[in-house]
Amino acid sequence: MTFQNFQHTLAALTLCAFTAVFSAGCVYKIDIQQGNQLDLEDIEQVEVGMTQSQVRYLLGSPVVQDNFRSDRWDYMYYFKGGRAKSPEQYWLIIEFEDERVSSIQKDVPVTRE
């Protein structure tokens, strides 16, 4: 093996090593999105006294709707970007009395048990 062949082999090995090291950080991580992505403008339009159909028209169907308790709708949203450290989480609770909005709880803290 001549010195020139050795240099080419060493350069090829170095290039392969750099490629392996830098491509290891290029693993694709998917975004995870769940729930209702709501616009702040739509949330602000919800008012006490609105009917359930008006709320559904503005915000869509809730993620959580208890069949045994139709007086509370929960709108939850979870988004974690592929490489993000912490996810975005939002929780909106709308309570009804006689099928009309009686209370609105915005930015309810999401707790983990």
PDB file of N, CA and C in Angstrom:
ATOM      1  N   MET A   1       0.854  -1.170   0.000  1.00  0.00           N
ATOM      2  CA  MET A   1       0.000   0.000   0.000  1.00  0.00           C
ATOM      3  C   MET A   1       0.898   1.230   0.000  1.00  0.00           C
ATOM      4  N   THR A   2       0.640   2.092  -0.941  1.00  0.00           N
ATOM      5  CA  THR A   2       1.439   3.302  -1.040  1.00  0.00           C
ATOM      6  C   THR A   2       0.869   4.357  -0.093  1.00  0.00           C
ATOM      7  N   PHE A   3       1.674   5.390   0.130  1.00  0.00           N
ATOM      8  CA  PHE A   3       1.262   6.467   1.028  1.00  0.00           C
ATOM      9  C   PHE A   3       0.025   7.185   0.485  1.00  0.00           C
ATOM     10  N   GLN A   4      -0.036   7.328  -0.843  1.00  0.00           N
ATOM     11  CA  GLN A   4      -1.187   8.014  -1.441  1.00  0.00           C
ATOM     12  C   GLN A   4      -2.473   7.197  -1.260  1.00  0.00           C
ATOM     13  N   ASN A   5      -2.380   5.878  -1.414  1.00  0.00           N
ATOM     14  CA  ASN A   5      -3.549   5.022  -1.173  1.00  0.00           C
ATOM     15  C   ASN A   5      -3.979   5.084   0.294  1.00  0.00           C
ATOM     16  N   PHE A   6      -2.999   5.135   1.192  1.00  0.00           N
ATOM     17  CA  PHE A   6      -3.287   5.238   2.614  1.00  0.00           C
ATOM     18  C   PHE A   6      -4.035   6.542   2.916  1.00  0.00           C
ATOM     19  N   GLN A   7      -3.626   7.628   2.288  1.00  0.00           N
ATOM     20  CA  GLN A   7      -4.290   8.920   2.488  1.00  0.00           C
ATOM     21  C   GLN A   7      -5.740   8.870   2.006  1.00  0.00           C
ATOM     22  N   HIS A   8      -5.975   8.267   0.856  1.00  0.00           N
ATOM     23  CA  HIS A   8      -7.340   8.151   0.333  1.00  0.00           C
ATOM     24  C   HIS A   8      -8.214   7.297   1.253  1.00  0.00           C
ATOM     25  N   THR A   9      -7.637   6.192   1.748  1.00  0.00           N
ATOM     26  CA  THR A   9      -8.374   5.314   2.661  1.00  0.00           C
ATOM     27  C   THR A   9      -8.690   6.038   3.959  1.00  0.00           C
ATOM     28  N   LEU A  10      -7.706   6.772   4.495  1.00  0.00           N
ATOM     29  CA  LEU A  10      -7.915   7.530   5.727  1.00  0.00           C
ATOM     30  C   LEU A  10      -8.963   8.626   5.528  1.00  0.00           C
ATOM     31  N   ALA A  11      -8.921   9.314   4.394  1.00  0.00           N
ATOM     32  CA  ALA A  11      -9.908  10.360   4.099  1.00  0.00           C
ATOM     33  C   ALA A  11     -11.305   9.751   3.978  1.00  0.00           C
ATOM     34  N   ALA A  12     -11.434   8.597   3.347  1.00  0.00           N
ATOM     35  CA  ALA A  12     -12.733   7.939   3.200  1.00  0.00           C
ATOM     36  C   ALA A  12     -13.266   7.501   4.562  1.00  0.00           C
ATOM     37  N   LEU A  13     -12.403   6.956   5.410  1.00  0.00           N
ATOM     38  CA  LEU A  13     -12.820   6.534   6.745  1.00  0.00           C
ATOM     39  C   LEU A  13     -13.233   7.735   7.600  1.00  0.00           C
ATOM     40  N   THR A  14     -12.511   8.822   7.487  1.00  0.00           N
ATOM     41  CA  THR A  14     -12.837  10.041   8.235  1.00  0.00           C
ATOM     42  C   THR A  14     -14.185  10.588   7.781  1.00  0.00           C
ATOM     43  N   LEU A  15     -14.403  10.611   6.481  1.00  0.00           N
ATOM     44  CA  LEU A  15     -15.685  11.075   5.941  1.00  0.00           C
ATOM     45  C   LEU A  15     -16.828  10.189   6.432  1.00  0.00           C
ATOM     46  N   CYS A  16     -16.643   8.886   6.433  1.00  0.00           N
ATOM     47  CA  CYS A  16     -17.675   7.959   6.926  1.00  0.00           C
ATOM     48  C   CYS A  16     -17.948   8.185   8.409  1.00  0.00           C
ATOM     49  N   ALA A  17     -16.900   8.425   9.187  1.00  0.00           N
ATOM     50  CA  ALA A  17     -17.076   8.657  10.625  1.00  0.00           C
ATOM     51  C   ALA A  17     -17.867   9.942  10.864  1.00  0.00           C
ATOM     52  N   PHE A  18     -17.513  11.024  10.169  1.00  0.00           N
ATOM     53  CA  PHE A  18     -18.256  12.286  10.315  1.00  0.00           C
ATOM     54  C   PHE A  18     -19.717  12.130   9.888  1.00  0.00           C
ATOM     55  N   THR A  19     -19.933  11.414   8.801  1.00  0.00           N
ATOM     56  CA  THR A  19     -21.295  11.198   8.318  1.00  0.00           C
ATOM     57  C   THR A  19     -22.117  10.419   9.351  1.00  0.00           C
ATOM     58  N   ALA A  20     -21.517   9.406   9.941  1.00  0.00           N
ATOM     59  CA  ALA A  20     -22.228   8.602  10.945  1.00  0.00           C
ATOM     60  C   ALA A  20     -22.548   9.430  12.184  1.00  0.00           C
ATOM     61  N   VAL A  21     -21.597  10.246  12.628  1.00  0.00           N
ATOM     62  CA  VAL A  21     -21.812  11.050  13.836  1.00  0.00           C
ATOM     63  C   VAL A  21     -22.885  12.107  13.602  1.00  0.00           C
ATOM     64  N   PHE A  22     -22.843  12.809  12.495  1.00  0.00           N
ATOM     65  CA  PHE A  22     -23.796  13.889  12.250  1.00  0.00           C
ATOM     66  C   PHE A  22     -25.175  13.392  11.832  1.00  0.00           C
ATOM     67  N   SER A  23     -25.261  12.246  11.195  1.00  0.00           N
ATOM     68  CA  SER A  23     -26.574  11.739  10.803  1.00  0.00           C
ATOM     69  C   SER A  23     -27.308  11.115  11.988  1.00  0.00           C
ATOM     70  N   ALA A  24     -26.615  10.790  13.051  1.00  0.00           N
ATOM     71  CA  ALA A  24     -27.273  10.230  14.240  1.00  0.00           C
ATOM     72  C   ALA A  24     -28.209  11.260  14.869  1.00  0.00           C
ATOM     73  N   GLY A  25     -27.927  12.535  14.723  1.00  0.00           N
ATOM     74  CA  GLY A  25     -28.779  13.585  15.267  1.00  0.00           C
ATOM     75  C   GLY A  25     -29.928  13.948  14.354  1.00  0.00           C
ATOM     76  N   CYS A  26     -30.055  13.317  13.225  1.00  0.00           N
ATOM     77  CA  CYS A  26     -31.093  13.650  12.250  1.00  0.00           C
ATOM     78  C   CYS A  26     -32.278  12.697  12.302  1.00  0.00           C
ATOM     79  N   VAL A  27     -32.483  12.054  13.423  1.00  0.00           N
ATOM     80  CA  VAL A  27     -33.617  11.145  13.558  1.00  0.00           C
ATOM     81  C   VAL A  27     -34.885  11.982  13.622  1.00  0.00           C
ATOM     82  N   TYR A  28     -35.855  11.625  12.827  1.00  0.00           N
ATOM     83  CA  TYR A  28     -37.106  12.375  12.752  1.00  0.00           C
ATOM     84  C   TYR A  28     -38.013  11.974  13.902  1.00  0.00           C
ATOM     85  N   LYS A  29     -38.540  12.953  14.607  1.00  0.00           N
ATOM     86  CA  LYS A  29     -39.510  12.708  15.662  1.00  0.00           C
ATOM     87  C   LYS A  29     -40.805  13.394  15.254  1.00  0.00           C
ATOM     88  N   ILE A  30     -41.896  12.636  15.305  1.00  0.00           N
ATOM     89  CA  ILE A  30     -43.171  13.164  14.836  1.00  0.00           C
ATOM     90  C   ILE A  30     -43.794  14.116  15.849  1.00  0.00           C
ATOM     91  N   ASP A  31     -44.636  15.009  15.340  1.00  0.00           N
ATOM     92  CA  ASP A  31     -45.431  15.881  16.191  1.00  0.00           C
ATOM     93  C   ASP A  31     -46.643  15.092  16.674  1.00  0.00           C
ATOM     94  N   ILE A  32     -47.016  15.307  17.928  1.00  0.00           N
ATOM     95  CA  ILE A  32     -48.196  14.640  18.486  1.00  0.00           C
ATOM     96  C   ILE A  32     -49.226  15.708  18.804  1.00  0.00           C
ATOM     97  N   GLN A  33     -50.402  15.580  18.199  1.00  0.00           N
ATOM     98  CA  GLN A  33     -51.475  16.545  18.415  1.00  0.00           C
ATOM     99  C   GLN A  33     -52.756  15.789  18.728  1.00  0.00           C
ATOM    100  N   GLN A  34     -53.414  16.195  19.818  1.00  0.00           N
ATOM    101  CA  GLN A  34     -54.659  15.551  20.210  1.00  0.00           C
ATOM    102  C   GLN A  34     -55.632  16.607  20.693  1.00  0.00           C
ATOM    103  N   GLY A  35     -56.895  16.381  20.487  1.00  0.00           N
ATOM    104  CA  GLY A  35     -57.916  17.262  21.031  1.00  0.00           C
ATOM    105  C   GLY A  35     -58.365  18.330  20.061  1.00  0.00           C
ATOM    106  N   ASN A  36     -58.996  19.367  20.637  1.00  0.00           N
ATOM    107  CA  ASN A  36     -59.552  20.470  19.863  1.00  0.00           C
ATOM    108  C   ASN A  36     -58.556  21.631  19.833  1.00  0.00           C
ATOM    109  N   GLN A  37     -58.093  22.000  18.669  1.00  0.00           N
ATOM    110  CA  GLN A  37     -57.264  23.195  18.544  1.00  0.00           C
ATOM    111  C   GLN A  37     -58.212  24.368  18.314  1.00  0.00           C
ATOM    112  N   LEU A  38     -58.354  25.204  19.326  1.00  0.00           N
ATOM    113  CA  LEU A  38     -59.325  26.295  19.276  1.00  0.00           C
ATOM    114  C   LEU A  38     -58.634  27.628  19.074  1.00  0.00           C
ATOM    115  N   ASP A  39     -59.294  28.518  18.360  1.00  0.00           N
ATOM    116  CA  ASP A  39     -58.798  29.881  18.207  1.00  0.00           C
ATOM    117  C   ASP A  39     -59.245  30.705  19.401  1.00  0.00           C
ATOM    118  N   LEU A  40     -58.356  31.570  19.876  1.00  0.00           N
ATOM    119  CA  LEU A  40     -58.666  32.419  21.020  1.00  0.00           C
ATOM    120  C   LEU A  40     -59.876  33.304  20.728  1.00  0.00           C
ATOM    121  N   GLU A  41     -59.993  33.760  19.487  1.00  0.00           N
ATOM    122  CA  GLU A  41     -61.136  34.599  19.098  1.00  0.00           C
ATOM    123  C   GLU A  41     -62.460  33.854  19.276  1.00  0.00           C
ATOM    124  N   ASP A  42     -62.476  32.567  18.925  1.00  0.00           N
ATOM    125  CA  ASP A  42     -63.694  31.770  19.076  1.00  0.00           C
ATOM    126  C   ASP A  42     -64.022  31.557  20.553  1.00  0.00           C
ATOM    127  N   ILE A  43     -63.011  31.293  21.356  1.00  0.00           N
ATOM    128  CA  ILE A  43     -63.229  31.096  22.791  1.00  0.00           C
ATOM    129  C   ILE A  43     -63.790  32.361  23.419  1.00  0.00           C
ATOM    130  N   GLU A  44     -63.273  33.509  23.012  1.00  0.00           N
ATOM    131  CA  GLU A  44     -63.722  34.775  23.581  1.00  0.00           C
ATOM    132  C   GLU A  44     -65.182  35.091  23.222  1.00  0.00           C
ATOM    133  N   GLN A  45     -65.701  34.495  22.149  1.00  0.00           N
ATOM    134  CA  GLN A  45     -67.083  34.743  21.741  1.00  0.00           C
ATOM    135  C   GLN A  45     -68.101  33.966  22.572  1.00  0.00           C
ATOM    136  N   VAL A  46     -67.626  32.920  23.279  1.00  0.00           N
ATOM    137  CA  VAL A  46     -68.535  32.134  24.107  1.00  0.00           C
ATOM    138  C   VAL A  46     -68.927  32.967  25.322  1.00  0.00           C
ATOM    139  N   GLU A  47     -70.222  33.075  25.557  1.00  0.00           N
ATOM    140  CA  GLU A  47     -70.729  33.895  26.656  1.00  0.00           C
ATOM    141  C   GLU A  47     -71.754  33.117  27.465  1.00  0.00           C
ATOM    142  N   VAL A  48     -71.886  33.501  28.715  1.00  0.00           N
ATOM    143  CA  VAL A  48     -72.917  32.929  29.566  1.00  0.00           C
ATOM    144  C   VAL A  48     -74.275  33.224  28.934  1.00  0.00           C
ATOM    145  N   GLY A  49     -75.141  32.212  28.885  1.00  0.00           N
ATOM    146  CA  GLY A  49     -76.469  32.364  28.299  1.00  0.00           C
ATOM    147  C   GLY A  49     -76.598  31.776  26.903  1.00  0.00           C
ATOM    148  N   MET A  50     -75.469  31.468  26.237  1.00  0.00           N
ATOM    149  CA  MET A  50     -75.537  30.870  24.902  1.00  0.00           C
ATOM    150  C   MET A  50     -76.066  29.446  25.003  1.00  0.00           C
ATOM    151  N   THR A  51     -76.680  28.987  23.919  1.00  0.00           N
ATOM    152  CA  THR A  51     -77.192  27.616  23.879  1.00  0.00           C
ATOM    153  C   THR A  51     -76.066  26.646  23.533  1.00  0.00           C
ATOM    154  N   GLN A  52     -76.312  25.360  23.779  1.00  0.00           N
ATOM    155  CA  GLN A  52     -75.326  24.337  23.452  1.00  0.00           C
ATOM    156  C   GLN A  52     -75.034  24.303  21.952  1.00  0.00           C
ATOM    157  N   SER A  53     -76.050  24.503  21.137  1.00  0.00           N
ATOM    158  CA  SER A  53     -75.825  24.477  19.684  1.00  0.00           C
ATOM    159  C   SER A  53     -74.981  25.666  19.232  1.00  0.00           C
ATOM    160  N   GLN A  54     -75.137  26.818  19.878  1.00  0.00           N
ATOM    161  CA  GLN A  54     -74.299  27.975  19.539  1.00  0.00           C
ATOM    162  C   GLN A  54     -72.841  27.702  19.905  1.00  0.00           C
ATOM    163  N   VAL A  55     -72.608  27.078  21.049  1.00  0.00           N
ATOM    164  CA  VAL A  55     -71.245  26.742  21.467  1.00  0.00           C
ATOM    165  C   VAL A  55     -70.652  25.713  20.517  1.00  0.00           C
ATOM    166  N   ARG A  56     -71.434  24.718  20.155  1.00  0.00           N
ATOM    167  CA  ARG A  56     -70.945  23.690  19.228  1.00  0.00           C
ATOM    168  C   ARG A  56     -70.615  24.307  17.864  1.00  0.00           C
ATOM    169  N   TYR A  57     -71.390  25.281  17.427  1.00  0.00           N
ATOM    170  CA  TYR A  57     -71.124  25.962  16.160  1.00  0.00           C
ATOM    171  C   TYR A  57     -69.786  26.709  16.221  1.00  0.00           C
ATOM    172  N   LEU A  58     -69.511  27.382  17.338  1.00  0.00           N
ATOM    173  CA  LEU A  58     -68.266  28.142  17.484  1.00  0.00           C
ATOM    174  C   LEU A  58     -67.046  27.258  17.679  1.00  0.00           C
ATOM    175  N   LEU A  59     -67.149  26.266  18.561  1.00  0.00           N
ATOM    176  CA  LEU A  59     -65.978  25.509  18.989  1.00  0.00           C
ATOM    177  C   LEU A  59     -65.914  24.074  18.466  1.00  0.00           C
ATOM    178  N   GLY A  60     -67.015  23.603  17.905  1.00  0.00           N
ATOM    179  CA  GLY A  60     -67.044  22.211  17.484  1.00  0.00           C
ATOM    180  C   GLY A  60     -67.464  21.318  18.643  1.00  0.00           C
ATOM    181  N   SER A  61     -67.479  20.031  18.392  1.00  0.00           N
ATOM    182  CA  SER A  61     -67.858  19.090  19.442  1.00  0.00           C
ATOM    183  C   SER A  61     -66.733  18.959  20.453  1.00  0.00           C
ATOM    184  N   PRO A  62     -67.066  18.831  21.732  1.00  0.00           N
ATOM    185  CA  PRO A  62     -66.023  18.707  22.745  1.00  0.00           C
ATOM    186  C   PRO A  62     -65.336  17.352  22.690  1.00  0.00           C
ATOM    187  N   VAL A  63     -64.098  17.316  23.172  1.00  0.00           N
ATOM    188  CA  VAL A  63     -63.355  16.062  23.222  1.00  0.00           C
ATOM    189  C   VAL A  63     -64.002  15.126  24.238  1.00  0.00           C
ATOM    190  N   VAL A  64     -64.361  15.678  25.373  1.00  0.00           N
ATOM    191  CA  VAL A  64     -64.969  14.874  26.435  1.00  0.00           C
ATOM    192  C   VAL A  64     -66.396  15.353  26.655  1.00  0.00           C
ATOM    193  N   GLN A  65     -67.328  14.457  26.439  1.00  0.00           N
ATOM    194  CA  GLN A  65     -68.731  14.770  26.684  1.00  0.00           C
ATOM    195  C   GLN A  65     -69.333  13.545  27.351  1.00  0.00           C
ATOM    196  N   ASP A  66     -69.626  13.667  28.623  1.00  0.00           N
ATOM    197  CA  ASP A  66     -70.155  12.566  29.410  1.00  0.00           C
ATOM    198  C   ASP A  66     -71.616  12.326  29.039  1.00  0.00           C
ATOM    199  N   ASN A  67     -71.935  11.112  28.630  1.00  0.00           N
ATOM    200  CA  ASN A  67     -73.315  10.787  28.253  1.00  0.00           C
ATOM    201  C   ASN A  67     -74.282  10.852  29.429  1.00  0.00           C
ATOM    202  N   PHE A  68     -73.755  10.696  30.636  1.00  0.00           N
ATOM    203  CA  PHE A  68     -74.596  10.728  31.825  1.00  0.00           C
ATOM    204  C   PHE A  68     -74.689  12.117  32.432  1.00  0.00           C
ATOM    205  N   ARG A  69     -73.876  13.031  31.924  1.00  0.00           N
ATOM    206  CA  ARG A  69     -73.873  14.400  32.458  1.00  0.00           C
ATOM    207  C   ARG A  69     -73.691  15.367  31.297  1.00  0.00           C
ATOM    208  N   SER A  70     -74.787  15.803  30.724  1.00  0.00           N
ATOM    209  CA  SER A  70     -74.718  16.647  29.533  1.00  0.00           C
ATOM    210  C   SER A  70     -74.537  18.126  29.867  1.00  0.00           C
ATOM    211  N   ASP A  71     -74.335  18.434  31.150  1.00  0.00           N
ATOM    212  CA  ASP A  71     -74.225  19.832  31.555  1.00  0.00           C
ATOM    213  C   ASP A  71     -72.780  20.325  31.627  1.00  0.00           C
ATOM    214  N   ARG A  72     -71.819  19.526  31.160  1.00  0.00           N
ATOM    215  CA  ARG A  72     -70.412  19.947  31.178  1.00  0.00           C
ATOM    216  C   ARG A  72     -69.719  19.436  29.920  1.00  0.00           C
ATOM    217  N   TRP A  73     -69.047  20.364  29.229  1.00  0.00           N
ATOM    218  CA  TRP A  73     -68.245  20.012  28.063  1.00  0.00           C
ATOM    219  C   TRP A  73     -66.805  20.398  28.335  1.00  0.00           C
ATOM    220  N   ASP A  74     -65.896  19.492  28.028  1.00  0.00           N
ATOM    221  CA  ASP A  74     -64.468  19.735  28.212  1.00  0.00           C
ATOM    222  C   ASP A  74     -63.789  19.774  26.842  1.00  0.00           C
ATOM    223  N   TYR A  75     -63.119  20.868  26.575  1.00  0.00           N
ATOM    224  CA  TYR A  75     -62.322  21.015  25.360  1.00  0.00           C
ATOM    225  C   TYR A  75     -60.863  20.967  25.780  1.00  0.00           C
ATOM    226  N   MET A  76     -60.159  19.927  25.342  1.00  0.00           N
ATOM    227  CA  MET A  76     -58.753  19.776  25.689  1.00  0.00           C
ATOM    228  C   MET A  76     -57.917  19.766  24.413  1.00  0.00           C
ATOM    229  N   TYR A  77     -56.704  20.296  24.554  1.00  0.00           N
ATOM    230  CA  TYR A  77     -55.782  20.308  23.425  1.00  0.00           C
ATOM    231  C   TYR A  77     -54.391  19.987  23.930  1.00  0.00           C
ATOM    232  N   TYR A  78     -53.705  19.096  23.218  1.00  0.00           N
ATOM    233  CA  TYR A  78     -52.352  18.688  23.560  1.00  0.00           C
ATOM    234  C   TYR A  78     -51.536  18.693  22.279  1.00  0.00           C
ATOM    235  N   PHE A  79     -50.390  19.377  22.314  1.00  0.00           N
ATOM    236  CA  PHE A  79     -49.493  19.372  21.158  1.00  0.00           C
ATOM    237  C   PHE A  79     -48.061  19.295  21.651  1.00  0.00           C
ATOM    238  N   LYS A  80     -47.310  18.332  21.132  1.00  0.00           N
ATOM    239  CA  LYS A  80     -45.890  18.220  21.450  1.00  0.00           C
ATOM    240  C   LYS A  80     -45.145  18.103  20.140  1.00  0.00           C
ATOM    241  N   GLY A  81     -44.363  19.142  19.857  1.00  0.00           N
ATOM    242  CA  GLY A  81     -43.525  19.111  18.666  1.00  0.00           C
ATOM    243  C   GLY A  81     -42.484  18.019  18.816  1.00  0.00           C
ATOM    244  N   GLY A  82     -42.051  17.461  17.720  1.00  0.00           N
ATOM    245  CA  GLY A  82     -41.129  16.329  17.737  1.00  0.00           C
ATOM    246  C   GLY A  82     -39.945  16.457  18.667  1.00  0.00           C
ATOM    247  N   ARG A  83     -39.289  17.585  18.672  1.00  0.00           N
ATOM    248  CA  ARG A  83     -38.108  17.765  19.505  1.00  0.00           C
ATOM    249  C   ARG A  83     -38.336  18.718  20.675  1.00  0.00           C
ATOM    250  N   ALA A  84     -39.558  19.121  20.881  1.00  0.00           N
ATOM    251  CA  ALA A  84     -39.867  20.057  21.973  1.00  0.00           C
ATOM    252  C   ALA A  84     -39.699  19.358  23.318  1.00  0.00           C
ATOM    253  N   LYS A  85     -39.253  20.119  24.289  1.00  0.00           N
ATOM    254  CA  LYS A  85     -39.064  19.574  25.639  1.00  0.00           C
ATOM    255  C   LYS A  85     -40.392  19.404  26.367  1.00  0.00           C
ATOM    256  N   SER A  86     -41.267  20.399  26.258  1.00  0.00           N
ATOM    257  CA  SER A  86     -42.544  20.306  26.970  1.00  0.00           C
ATOM    258  C   SER A  86     -43.685  20.595  25.999  1.00  0.00           C
ATOM    259  N   PRO A  87     -44.811  19.935  26.205  1.00  0.00           N
ATOM    260  CA  PRO A  87     -45.948  20.105  25.298  1.00  0.00           C
ATOM    261  C   PRO A  87     -46.778  21.341  25.634  1.00  0.00           C
ATOM    262  N   GLU A  88     -47.575  21.770  24.650  1.00  0.00           N
ATOM    263  CA  GLU A  88     -48.591  22.800  24.883  1.00  0.00           C
ATOM    264  C   GLU A  88     -49.852  22.065  25.307  1.00  0.00           C
ATOM    265  N   GLN A  89     -50.464  22.526  26.388  1.00  0.00           N
ATOM    266  CA  GLN A  89     -51.687  21.894  26.856  1.00  0.00           C
ATOM    267  C   GLN A  89     -52.672  22.971  27.268  1.00  0.00           C
ATOM    268  N   TYR A  90     -53.900  22.825  26.790  1.00  0.00           N
ATOM    269  CA  TYR A  90     -54.963  23.769  27.124  1.00  0.00           C
ATOM    270  C   TYR A  90     -56.202  22.978  27.534  1.00  0.00           C
ATOM    271  N   TRP A  91     -56.981  23.566  28.422  1.00  0.00           N
ATOM    272  CA  TRP A  91     -58.190  22.908  28.875  1.00  0.00           C
ATOM    273  C   TRP A  91     -59.245  23.971  29.114  1.00  0.00           C
ATOM    274  N   LEU A  92     -60.362  23.837  28.441  1.00  0.00           N
ATOM    275  CA  LEU A  92     -61.486  24.764  28.557  1.00  0.00           C
ATOM    276  C   LEU A  92     -62.694  23.958  29.020  1.00  0.00           C
ATOM    277  N   ILE A  93     -63.344  24.420  30.089  1.00  0.00           N
ATOM    278  CA  ILE A  93     -64.529  23.736  30.617  1.00  0.00           C
ATOM    279  C   ILE A  93     -65.719  24.681  30.503  1.00  0.00           C
ATOM    280  N   ILE A  94     -66.769  24.184  29.864  1.00  0.00           N
ATOM    281  CA  ILE A  94     -68.009  24.958  29.745  1.00  0.00           C
ATOM    282  C   ILE A  94     -69.113  24.163  30.430  1.00  0.00           C
ATOM    283  N   GLU A  95     -69.770  24.799  31.380  1.00  0.00           N
ATOM    284  CA  GLU A  95     -70.862  24.146  32.096  1.00  0.00           C
ATOM    285  C   GLU A  95     -72.185  24.777  31.686  1.00  0.00           C
ATOM    286  N   PHE A  96     -73.208  23.938  31.633  1.00  0.00           N
ATOM    287  CA  PHE A  96     -74.534  24.357  31.189  1.00  0.00           C
ATOM    288  C   PHE A  96     -75.561  24.152  32.299  1.00  0.00           C
ATOM    289  N   GLU A  97     -76.577  24.977  32.249  1.00  0.00           N
ATOM    290  CA  GLU A  97     -77.745  24.810  33.107  1.00  0.00           C
ATOM    291  C   GLU A  97     -78.951  25.068  32.217  1.00  0.00           C
ATOM    292  N   ASP A  98     -79.849  24.097  32.137  1.00  0.00           N
ATOM    293  CA  ASP A  98     -81.000  24.171  31.232  1.00  0.00           C
ATOM    294  C   ASP A  98     -80.565  24.413  29.782  1.00  0.00           C
ATOM    295  N   GLU A  99     -79.496  23.725  29.378  1.00  0.00           N
ATOM    296  CA  GLU A  99     -78.941  23.772  28.021  1.00  0.00           C
ATOM    297  C   GLU A  99     -78.424  25.152  27.612  1.00  0.00           C
ATOM    298  N   ARG A 100     -78.089  25.975  28.592  1.00  0.00           N
ATOM    299  CA  ARG A 100     -77.472  27.286  28.330  1.00  0.00           C
ATOM    300  C   ARG A 100     -76.200  27.395  29.160  1.00  0.00           C
ATOM    301  N   VAL A 101     -75.213  28.109  28.608  1.00  0.00           N
ATOM    302  CA  VAL A 101     -73.923  28.258  29.294  1.00  0.00           C
ATOM    303  C   VAL A 101     -74.143  28.952  30.634  1.00  0.00           C
ATOM    304  N   SER A 102     -73.659  28.300  31.704  1.00  0.00           N
ATOM    305  CA  SER A 102     -73.759  28.898  33.031  1.00  0.00           C
ATOM    306  C   SER A 102     -72.392  29.333  33.557  1.00  0.00           C
ATOM    307  N   SER A 103     -71.312  28.674  33.114  1.00  0.00           N
ATOM    308  CA  SER A 103     -69.968  29.096  33.514  1.00  0.00           C
ATOM    309  C   SER A 103     -68.945  28.653  32.472  1.00  0.00           C
ATOM    310  N   ILE A 104     -67.868  29.432  32.392  1.00  0.00           N
ATOM    311  CA  ILE A 104     -66.784  29.170  31.451  1.00  0.00           C
ATOM    312  C   ILE A 104     -65.482  29.231  32.242  1.00  0.00           C
ATOM    313  N   GLN A 105     -64.725  28.155  32.203  1.00  0.00           N
ATOM    314  CA  GLN A 105     -63.435  28.122  32.877  1.00  0.00           C
ATOM    315  C   GLN A 105     -62.347  27.990  31.816  1.00  0.00           C
ATOM    316  N   LYS A 106     -61.555  29.044  31.652  1.00  0.00           N
ATOM    317  CA  LYS A 106     -60.504  29.059  30.638  1.00  0.00           C
ATOM    318  C   LYS A 106     -59.159  28.769  31.295  1.00  0.00           C
ATOM    319  N   ASP A 107     -58.247  28.225  30.523  1.00  0.00           N
ATOM    320  CA  ASP A 107     -56.880  27.959  30.969  1.00  0.00           C
ATOM    321  C   ASP A 107     -56.848  27.175  32.277  1.00  0.00           C
ATOM    322  N   VAL A 108     -57.653  26.144  32.348  1.00  0.00           N
ATOM    323  CA  VAL A 108     -57.639  25.267  33.530  1.00  0.00           C
ATOM    324  C   VAL A 108     -56.315  24.525  33.526  1.00  0.00           C
ATOM    325  N   PRO A 109     -55.596  24.501  34.660  1.00  0.00           N
ATOM    326  CA  PRO A 109     -54.300  23.810  34.684  1.00  0.00           C
ATOM    327  C   PRO A 109     -54.479  22.321  34.423  1.00  0.00           C
ATOM    328  N   VAL A 110     -53.573  21.775  33.623  1.00  0.00           N
ATOM    329  CA  VAL A 110     -53.587  20.353  33.330  1.00  0.00           C
ATOM    330  C   VAL A 110     -52.622  19.705  34.305  1.00  0.00           C
ATOM    331  N   THR A 111     -53.114  18.807  35.128  1.00  0.00           N
ATOM    332  CA  THR A 111     -52.269  18.151  36.117  1.00  0.00           C
ATOM    333  C   THR A 111     -52.093  16.695  35.745  1.00  0.00           C
ATOM    334  N   ARG A 112     -50.960  16.171  36.135  1.00  0.00           N
ATOM    335  CA  ARG A 112     -50.685  14.748  35.890  1.00  0.00           C
ATOM    336  C   ARG A 112     -50.707  14.027  37.215  1.00  0.00           C
ATOM    337  N   GLU A 113     -51.355  12.910  37.222  1.00  0.00           N
ATOM    338  CA  GLU A 113     -51.473  12.145  38.473  1.00  0.00           C
ATOM    339  C   GLU A 113     -50.565  10.958  38.429  1.00  0.00           C
TER     340      GLU A 113
END
